Amino acid sequence: MATLASGDSSPVAIFEDDEPAFDSIPAKAYETLLDGLKDVELAEIVTLRKVHVEIDVTWDDLCVGI
């Protein structure tokens, strides 16, 4: 626990035999990471929609068969 406490609200990784055995990231940093990933995902959606072909439709076209 002392190792985690010494992290001073920064991500901490603990290694055993040169392999990561445990890592910890503060909740605020994790939230920021997830927000960034969501922004990347939304940017991809925007890019895809920019090249999407639009077609004109009337209300009557949508109500056919109702």
Protein backbone atom coordinates (compact mmCIF):
# COMPACT_ATOMS: atom_id res chain seq x y z
CA MET A 1 0.00 0.00 0.00
CA ALA A 2 2.89 2.35 0.64
CA THR A 3 3.88 2.12 -3.01
CA LEU A 4 0.40 3.20 -4.10
CA ALA A 5 0.33 6.01 -1.56
CA SER A 6 3.67 7.30 -2.84
CA GLY A 7 2.17 7.63 -6.33
CA ASP A 8 0.81 11.07 -5.38
CA SER A 9 -2.38 10.64 -7.48
CA SER A 10 -0.39 9.46 -10.50
CA PRO A 11 -0.64 6.13 -12.28
CA VAL A 12 1.45 3.44 -10.57
CA ALA A 13 2.81 0.20 -12.02
CA ILE A 14 4.39 -2.54 -9.92
CA PHE A 15 6.73 -4.97 -11.66
CA GLU A 16 7.82 -8.45 -10.63
CA ASP A 17 10.66 -10.08 -12.55
CA ASP A 18 10.52 -7.29 -15.15
CA GLU A 19 6.85 -8.06 -15.87
CA PRO A 20 3.93 -5.83 -14.87
CA ALA A 21 2.23 -7.43 -11.88
CA PHE A 22 -0.18 -4.64 -10.90
CA ASP A 23 -1.16 -1.20 -12.11
CA SER A 24 -3.36 1.48 -10.67
CA ILE A 25 -4.70 4.70 -12.11
CA PRO A 26 -6.56 7.40 -10.19
CA ALA A 27 -10.30 7.62 -10.90
CA LYS A 28 -10.01 11.14 -12.33
CA ALA A 29 -7.25 10.08 -14.74
CA TYR A 30 -9.31 7.05 -15.79
CA GLU A 31 -12.35 9.26 -16.39
CA THR A 32 -10.25 11.62 -18.50
CA LEU A 33 -8.91 8.64 -20.49
CA LEU A 34 -12.43 7.34 -21.17
CA ASP A 35 -13.62 10.82 -22.20
CA GLY A 36 -10.75 11.04 -24.68
CA LEU A 37 -11.57 7.63 -26.13
CA LYS A 38 -15.21 8.63 -26.51
CA ASP A 39 -14.14 11.83 -28.29
CA VAL A 40 -12.08 9.74 -30.75
CA GLU A 41 -15.07 7.46 -31.36
CA LEU A 42 -17.38 10.42 -31.96
CA ALA A 43 -14.85 12.02 -34.32
CA GLU A 44 -14.84 8.82 -36.39
CA ILE A 45 -18.65 8.92 -36.60
CA VAL A 46 -18.55 12.55 -37.73
CA THR A 47 -15.99 11.70 -40.41
CA LEU A 48 -18.13 8.84 -41.69
CA ARG A 49 -21.24 11.00 -41.79
CA LYS A 50 -19.47 13.77 -43.71
CA VAL A 51 -18.99 11.48 -46.69
CA HIS A 52 -22.46 9.93 -46.43
CA VAL A 53 -24.64 10.69 -49.43
CA GLU A 54 -27.82 12.58 -48.61
CA ILE A 55 -31.03 12.11 -50.55
CA ASP A 56 -34.07 14.35 -50.59
CA VAL A 57 -37.23 12.75 -49.22
CA THR A 58 -40.70 14.17 -48.83
CA TRP A 59 -43.14 13.37 -46.08
CA ASP A 60 -45.30 11.59 -48.64
CA ASP A 61 -42.37 9.34 -49.57
CA LEU A 62 -42.10 8.29 -45.93
CA CYS A 63 -45.84 7.64 -45.54
CA VAL A 64 -46.24 5.31 -48.53
CA GLY A 65 -48.10 2.17 -47.47
CA ILE A 66 -49.37 3.49 -44.15
